[in-house]
N, C-alpha and C. Protein backbone atom coordinates (compact mmCIF):
# COMPACT_ATOMS: atom_id res chain seq x y z
N MET A 1 0.85 -1.20 0.03
CA MET A 1 0.08 0.05 -0.01
C MET A 1 0.89 1.25 -0.01
N ARG A 2 0.54 2.14 -0.84
CA ARG A 2 1.34 3.41 -0.91
C ARG A 2 0.70 4.35 0.06
N VAL A 3 1.69 5.24 0.65
CA VAL A 3 1.29 6.28 1.64
C VAL A 3 1.58 7.64 1.25
N LEU A 4 0.61 8.48 1.22
CA LEU A 4 0.78 9.85 0.72
C LEU A 4 1.36 10.71 1.86
N THR A 5 2.35 11.53 1.59
CA THR A 5 2.93 12.48 2.48
C THR A 5 2.58 13.90 2.15
N LYS A 6 2.11 14.08 0.97
CA LYS A 6 1.77 15.54 0.54
C LYS A 6 0.40 15.60 -0.20
N TRP A 7 -0.40 16.46 0.20
CA TRP A 7 -1.74 16.69 -0.54
C TRP A 7 -1.55 16.80 -2.07
N GLY A 8 -0.52 17.40 -2.48
CA GLY A 8 -0.30 17.67 -3.88
C GLY A 8 -0.15 16.39 -4.59
N ASP A 9 0.02 15.21 -3.96
CA ASP A 9 0.29 13.90 -4.60
C ASP A 9 -1.13 13.15 -4.93
N VAL A 10 -2.20 13.75 -4.43
CA VAL A 10 -3.53 13.24 -4.83
C VAL A 10 -3.92 13.75 -6.23
N PRO A 11 -3.94 12.78 -7.17
CA PRO A 11 -4.24 13.26 -8.63
C PRO A 11 -5.80 13.72 -8.79
N ARG A 12 -6.05 14.30 -9.88
CA ARG A 12 -7.38 14.59 -10.22
C ARG A 12 -7.95 13.31 -10.89
N PHE A 13 -9.13 13.04 -10.57
CA PHE A 13 -9.74 11.80 -11.13
C PHE A 13 -10.77 12.03 -12.13
N SER A 14 -10.79 11.27 -13.22
CA SER A 14 -11.80 11.38 -14.26
C SER A 14 -13.16 10.89 -13.94
N ASN A 15 -13.17 9.95 -12.89
CA ASN A 15 -14.46 9.43 -12.48
C ASN A 15 -14.33 8.81 -11.07
N GLU A 16 -15.46 8.47 -10.45
CA GLU A 16 -15.49 7.92 -9.04
C GLU A 16 -14.80 6.56 -9.05
N GLN A 17 -14.85 5.84 -10.16
CA GLN A 17 -14.29 4.42 -10.03
C GLN A 17 -12.69 4.56 -9.89
N ASP A 18 -12.14 5.53 -10.78
CA ASP A 18 -10.71 5.61 -10.58
C ASP A 18 -10.29 6.23 -9.24
N GLU A 19 -11.21 7.09 -8.66
CA GLU A 19 -10.97 7.55 -7.31
C GLU A 19 -10.93 6.45 -6.18
N ALA A 20 -11.96 5.71 -6.41
CA ALA A 20 -12.19 4.54 -5.41
C ALA A 20 -10.94 3.58 -5.54
N GLU A 21 -10.48 3.28 -6.70
CA GLU A 21 -9.40 2.39 -6.87
C GLU A 21 -8.12 2.93 -6.38
N PHE A 22 -7.93 4.27 -6.51
CA PHE A 22 -6.76 4.87 -5.93
C PHE A 22 -6.68 4.79 -4.41
N TRP A 23 -7.93 5.08 -3.76
CA TRP A 23 -8.00 5.02 -2.26
C TRP A 23 -7.93 3.60 -1.76
N ARG A 24 -8.25 2.67 -2.51
CA ARG A 24 -8.06 1.26 -2.14
C ARG A 24 -6.56 0.98 -2.01
N GLU A 25 -5.74 1.58 -2.72
CA GLU A 25 -4.36 1.24 -2.71
C GLU A 25 -3.41 2.34 -2.02
N THR A 26 -4.16 3.34 -1.46
CA THR A 26 -3.42 4.45 -0.99
C THR A 26 -3.97 4.79 0.43
N SER A 27 -3.06 5.14 1.41
CA SER A 27 -3.50 5.76 2.63
C SER A 27 -2.81 7.02 2.92
N LEU A 28 -3.19 7.88 3.86
CA LEU A 28 -2.61 9.08 4.17
C LEU A 28 -1.68 8.96 5.30
N ASP A 29 -0.66 9.53 5.30
CA ASP A 29 0.35 9.60 6.40
C ASP A 29 -0.26 10.47 7.52
N SER A 30 -0.33 9.91 8.86
CA SER A 30 -1.08 10.66 9.87
C SER A 30 -0.41 11.92 10.09
N ARG A 31 0.72 12.30 9.72
CA ARG A 31 1.36 13.60 9.93
C ARG A 31 0.71 14.65 8.91
N LEU A 32 0.36 14.08 7.88
CA LEU A 32 -0.35 14.91 6.82
C LEU A 32 -1.67 15.49 7.42
N MET A 33 -2.41 14.78 8.07
CA MET A 33 -3.66 15.18 8.66
C MET A 33 -3.31 16.19 9.84
N ASN A 34 -2.42 15.90 10.59
CA ASN A 34 -1.99 16.78 11.75
C ASN A 34 -1.58 18.13 11.20
N VAL A 35 -0.76 18.10 10.21
CA VAL A 35 -0.31 19.45 9.64
C VAL A 35 -1.38 20.27 9.15
N SER A 36 -2.24 19.62 8.34
CA SER A 36 -3.37 20.32 7.79
C SER A 36 -4.23 21.04 8.82
N MET A 37 -4.37 20.28 9.98
CA MET A 37 -5.27 20.80 11.12
C MET A 37 -4.54 21.93 11.77
N LEU A 38 -3.26 22.02 11.75
CA LEU A 38 -2.43 23.01 12.59
C LEU A 38 -2.17 24.22 11.71
N LYS A 39 -2.57 24.27 10.49
CA LYS A 39 -2.18 25.39 9.61
C LYS A 39 -2.85 26.72 10.13
N THR A 40 -3.90 26.79 10.56
CA THR A 40 -4.58 27.95 11.01
C THR A 40 -4.18 28.45 12.40
N ASP A 41 -3.96 29.82 12.53
CA ASP A 41 -3.57 30.31 13.80
C ASP A 41 -4.80 31.07 14.38
N ASN A 42 -5.38 30.60 15.43
CA ASN A 42 -6.55 31.26 15.95
C ASN A 42 -6.24 32.41 16.90
N ARG A 43 -5.06 32.76 17.25
CA ARG A 43 -4.83 33.84 18.02
C ARG A 43 -5.30 35.13 17.56
N ASP A 44 -5.24 35.41 16.20
CA ASP A 44 -5.58 36.61 15.58
C ASP A 44 -6.83 36.39 14.80
N SER A 45 -7.84 35.75 15.39
CA SER A 45 -8.94 35.47 14.44
C SER A 45 -9.97 36.63 14.55
N ILE A 46 -10.67 36.79 13.42
CA ILE A 46 -11.65 37.94 13.31
C ILE A 46 -13.03 37.18 13.10
N THR A 47 -14.04 37.64 13.66
CA THR A 47 -15.40 37.30 13.54
C THR A 47 -16.05 37.90 12.21
N ILE A 48 -16.60 37.11 11.44
CA ILE A 48 -17.32 37.77 10.19
C ILE A 48 -18.70 37.13 10.09
N THR A 49 -19.42 37.79 9.33
CA THR A 49 -20.85 37.19 9.02
C THR A 49 -20.97 36.83 7.56
N LEU A 50 -21.42 35.66 7.30
CA LEU A 50 -21.71 35.15 6.02
C LEU A 50 -23.17 34.75 5.89
N ARG A 51 -23.82 35.07 4.81
CA ARG A 51 -25.24 34.66 4.59
C ARG A 51 -25.29 33.37 3.72
N PHE A 52 -25.99 32.35 4.17
CA PHE A 52 -26.02 31.15 3.40
C PHE A 52 -27.60 30.97 3.11
N ASP A 53 -27.83 30.32 1.99
CA ASP A 53 -29.06 29.77 1.75
C ASP A 53 -29.36 28.80 2.78
N PRO A 54 -30.48 28.84 3.37
CA PRO A 54 -30.96 27.90 4.49
C PRO A 54 -30.68 26.37 4.12
N ARG A 55 -30.99 26.00 2.89
CA ARG A 55 -30.87 24.62 2.40
C ARG A 55 -29.45 24.25 2.30
N MET A 56 -28.55 25.21 1.82
CA MET A 56 -27.13 24.95 1.70
C MET A 56 -26.57 24.79 3.07
N LEU A 57 -26.98 25.68 3.96
CA LEU A 57 -26.44 25.53 5.37
C LEU A 57 -26.84 24.26 6.04
N ALA A 58 -28.12 23.77 5.73
CA ALA A 58 -28.51 22.50 6.31
C ALA A 58 -27.67 21.38 5.74
N ARG A 59 -27.37 21.38 4.45
CA ARG A 59 -26.61 20.45 3.86
C ARG A 59 -25.13 20.45 4.44
N ILE A 60 -24.49 21.59 4.55
CA ILE A 60 -23.23 21.65 5.24
C ILE A 60 -23.20 21.10 6.51
N LYS A 61 -24.25 21.47 7.33
CA LYS A 61 -24.32 20.84 8.68
C LYS A 61 -24.42 19.36 8.78
N ARG A 62 -25.31 18.85 7.77
CA ARG A 62 -25.52 17.44 7.74
C ARG A 62 -24.09 16.70 7.37
N LEU A 63 -23.46 17.30 6.41
CA LEU A 63 -22.14 16.68 6.02
C LEU A 63 -21.12 16.78 7.14
N ALA A 64 -21.07 17.89 7.78
CA ALA A 64 -20.09 18.00 8.97
C ALA A 64 -20.51 16.96 10.10
N ARG A 65 -21.74 16.82 10.40
CA ARG A 65 -22.15 15.87 11.36
C ARG A 65 -21.84 14.40 10.91
N SER A 66 -21.87 14.12 9.62
CA SER A 66 -21.52 12.75 9.23
C SER A 66 -19.99 12.47 9.37
N ARG A 67 -19.16 13.63 9.38
CA ARG A 67 -17.79 13.48 9.54
C ARG A 67 -17.35 13.88 10.97
N TYR A 68 -18.33 13.93 11.87
CA TYR A 68 -18.04 14.25 13.26
C TYR A 68 -17.29 15.50 13.40
N LEU A 69 -17.54 16.43 12.66
CA LEU A 69 -16.92 17.87 12.68
C LEU A 69 -17.96 18.94 13.12
N ASN A 70 -17.32 19.91 13.61
CA ASN A 70 -18.26 21.25 13.70
C ASN A 70 -18.24 21.88 12.45
N TYR A 71 -19.41 22.22 12.05
CA TYR A 71 -19.65 22.73 10.59
C TYR A 71 -18.77 24.09 10.32
N GLN A 72 -18.64 24.90 11.38
CA GLN A 72 -17.75 26.08 11.11
C GLN A 72 -16.42 25.78 11.02
N SER A 73 -15.85 24.80 11.69
CA SER A 73 -14.49 24.29 11.49
C SER A 73 -14.30 23.69 10.12
N MET A 74 -15.33 22.95 9.70
CA MET A 74 -15.20 22.25 8.37
C MET A 74 -15.18 23.39 7.28
N ILE A 75 -15.98 24.44 7.35
CA ILE A 75 -15.96 25.50 6.47
C ILE A 75 -14.58 26.15 6.39
N LYS A 76 -14.02 26.48 7.60
CA LYS A 76 -12.71 27.10 7.66
C LYS A 76 -11.68 26.16 7.07
N GLN A 77 -11.76 24.92 7.28
CA GLN A 77 -10.87 23.94 6.68
C GLN A 77 -11.01 24.06 5.16
N TRP A 78 -12.22 24.01 4.65
CA TRP A 78 -12.36 24.09 3.12
C TRP A 78 -11.72 25.38 2.65
N LEU A 79 -12.08 26.53 3.26
CA LEU A 79 -11.48 27.85 2.77
C LEU A 79 -9.89 27.73 2.82
N SER A 80 -9.42 27.20 3.92
CA SER A 80 -7.82 27.10 4.02
C SER A 80 -7.36 26.17 2.91
N GLU A 81 -7.92 25.13 2.57
CA GLU A 81 -7.44 24.32 1.50
C GLU A 81 -7.53 24.95 0.10
N ARG A 82 -8.66 25.68 -0.08
CA ARG A 82 -8.83 26.25 -1.39
C ARG A 82 -7.89 27.48 -1.50
N LEU A 83 -7.62 28.21 -0.44
CA LEU A 83 -6.54 29.31 -0.47
C LEU A 83 -5.34 28.80 -0.87
N GLU A 84 -4.86 27.65 -0.23
CA GLU A 84 -3.61 26.97 -0.52
C GLU A 84 -3.55 26.64 -1.92
N LYS A 85 -4.63 26.07 -2.47
CA LYS A 85 -4.69 25.65 -3.84
C LYS A 85 -4.52 26.77 -4.78
N GLU A 86 -5.18 27.87 -4.54
CA GLU A 86 -5.27 29.12 -5.39
C GLU A 86 -3.92 29.81 -5.44
N LEU A 87 -3.18 29.79 -4.25
CA LEU A 87 -1.94 30.54 -4.05
C LEU A 87 -0.77 29.49 -4.36
N GLY A 88 -1.09 28.24 -4.38
CA GLY A 88 -0.08 27.16 -4.59
C GLY A 88 0.83 27.29 -5.56
């Protein structure tokens, strides 16, 4: 089994079958997960307000619950990952 040590090593998949096959043969290094969770520095955080469509927010909350996450933390993680990708 191959172990990924960088998020950049995850390829783009053309379909779900290719993705499923990739993850059957691949696991994530535990340090990779720890590093991605530590990227944000909450000492200088600022509170903002975002308006969401109620249905979208309900879907986000449901997804977060299924992953045993706080929905706000999950949104911050998504934004952090996207920012890294955009600036990458």
